[in-house]
Amino acid sequence: MVRCSFCENVIKPATGKMYVKKDGKILYFCTNKCEKNMLKLKRKPSAQRWTKAAAAKKGGKK
């Protein structure tokens, strides 16, 4: 079971993207939205209301 590196949603088999950074770290993304927010816009998952990290920080549902 692979989870998105940004929003922490489960990625279904044969979907999503795998991104390998120059330092060898592997990132998985479920959508282009997650990929763009993390890599291009350099946003933190806990600052985005729609991610599970933000819900956990707020104390709401996971």
C-alpha atoms as a PDB file:
ATOM      1  CA  MET A   1       0.000   0.000   0.000  1.00  0.00           C
ATOM      2  CA  VAL A   2       1.565   3.250  -1.179  1.00  0.00           C
ATOM      3  CA  ARG A   3       0.505   6.635   0.173  1.00  0.00           C
ATOM      4  CA  CYS A   4       0.808  10.042  -1.453  1.00  0.00           C
ATOM      5  CA  SER A   5       3.785  11.978  -0.106  1.00  0.00           C
ATOM      6  CA  PHE A   6       1.714  15.176   0.090  1.00  0.00           C
ATOM      7  CA  CYS A   7      -1.896  14.411   1.053  1.00  0.00           C
ATOM      8  CA  GLU A   8      -1.337  10.905   2.513  1.00  0.00           C
ATOM      9  CA  ASN A   9      -4.206   9.329   0.533  1.00  0.00           C
ATOM     10  CA  VAL A  10      -3.814   5.712  -0.561  1.00  0.00           C
ATOM     11  CA  ILE A  11      -2.731   5.396  -4.200  1.00  0.00           C
ATOM     12  CA  LYS A  12      -4.472   2.643  -6.138  1.00  0.00           C
ATOM     13  CA  PRO A  13      -2.275   0.231  -8.130  1.00  0.00           C
ATOM     14  CA  ALA A  14      -1.325   1.382 -11.651  1.00  0.00           C
ATOM     15  CA  THR A  15      -2.145   5.040 -10.867  1.00  0.00           C
ATOM     16  CA  GLY A  16      -0.249   8.057  -9.612  1.00  0.00           C
ATOM     17  CA  LYS A  17       3.351   9.135 -10.145  1.00  0.00           C
ATOM     18  CA  MET A  18       6.682   8.225  -8.624  1.00  0.00           C
ATOM     19  CA  TYR A  19       9.248  11.056  -8.458  1.00  0.00           C
ATOM     20  CA  VAL A  20      12.890  10.373  -7.642  1.00  0.00           C
ATOM     21  CA  LYS A  21      14.903  13.334  -6.345  1.00  0.00           C
ATOM     22  CA  LYS A  22      18.614  13.800  -7.051  1.00  0.00           C
ATOM     23  CA  ASP A  23      19.495  12.675  -3.527  1.00  0.00           C
ATOM     24  CA  GLY A  24      17.683   9.361  -4.106  1.00  0.00           C
ATOM     25  CA  LYS A  25      14.561  10.116  -2.068  1.00  0.00           C
ATOM     26  CA  ILE A  26      11.409   8.695  -3.671  1.00  0.00           C
ATOM     27  CA  LEU A  27       8.150  10.669  -3.570  1.00  0.00           C
ATOM     28  CA  TYR A  28       4.755   9.306  -4.604  1.00  0.00           C
ATOM     29  CA  PHE A  29       1.891  11.518  -5.782  1.00  0.00           C
ATOM     30  CA  CYS A  30      -1.763  10.611  -6.334  1.00  0.00           C
ATOM     31  CA  THR A  31      -2.584  13.633  -8.531  1.00  0.00           C
ATOM     32  CA  ASN A  32      -0.927  16.487 -10.393  1.00  0.00           C
ATOM     33  CA  LYS A  33      -2.396  18.791  -7.722  1.00  0.00           C
ATOM     34  CA  CYS A  34      -0.298  17.140  -5.012  1.00  0.00           C
ATOM     35  CA  GLU A  35       2.821  17.052  -7.170  1.00  0.00           C
ATOM     36  CA  LYS A  36       2.567  20.730  -8.087  1.00  0.00           C
ATOM     37  CA  ASN A  37       1.871  21.837  -4.501  1.00  0.00           C
ATOM     38  CA  MET A  38       4.924  20.033  -3.142  1.00  0.00           C
ATOM     39  CA  LEU A  39       7.535  20.422  -5.890  1.00  0.00           C
ATOM     40  CA  LYS A  40       6.720  23.613  -7.780  1.00  0.00           C
ATOM     41  CA  LEU A  41       4.899  25.712  -5.185  1.00  0.00           C
ATOM     42  CA  LYS A  42       6.870  24.266  -2.218  1.00  0.00           C
ATOM     43  CA  ARG A  43       3.859  24.191   0.088  1.00  0.00           C
ATOM     44  CA  LYS A  44       3.667  22.325   3.365  1.00  0.00           C
ATOM     45  CA  PRO A  45       0.938  19.659   3.637  1.00  0.00           C
ATOM     46  CA  SER A  46      -0.100  20.837   7.104  1.00  0.00           C
ATOM     47  CA  ALA A  47      -0.897  24.312   5.716  1.00  0.00           C
ATOM     48  CA  GLN A  48      -3.401  22.995   3.152  1.00  0.00           C
ATOM     49  CA  ARG A  49      -6.896  22.473   4.557  1.00  0.00           C
ATOM     50  CA  TRP A  50      -7.708  19.518   2.284  1.00  0.00           C
ATOM     51  CA  THR A  51      -4.839  17.267   3.434  1.00  0.00           C
ATOM     52  CA  LYS A  52      -4.889  14.713   6.230  1.00  0.00           C
ATOM     53  CA  ALA A  53      -1.903  16.466   7.852  1.00  0.00           C
ATOM     54  CA  ALA A  54      -3.949  19.633   8.294  1.00  0.00           C
ATOM     55  CA  ALA A  55      -6.852  17.689   9.783  1.00  0.00           C
ATOM     56  CA  ALA A  56      -4.516  15.985  12.251  1.00  0.00           C
ATOM     57  CA  LYS A  57      -2.952  19.338  13.186  1.00  0.00           C
ATOM     58  CA  LYS A  58      -6.392  20.836  13.745  1.00  0.00           C
ATOM     59  CA  GLY A  59      -7.553  17.820  15.722  1.00  0.00           C
ATOM     60  CA  GLY A  60     -10.335  16.827  13.351  1.00  0.00           C
ATOM     61  CA  LYS A  61     -10.976  13.649  11.419  1.00  0.00           C
ATOM     62  CA  LYS A  62      -8.041  11.820   9.840  1.00  0.00           C
END
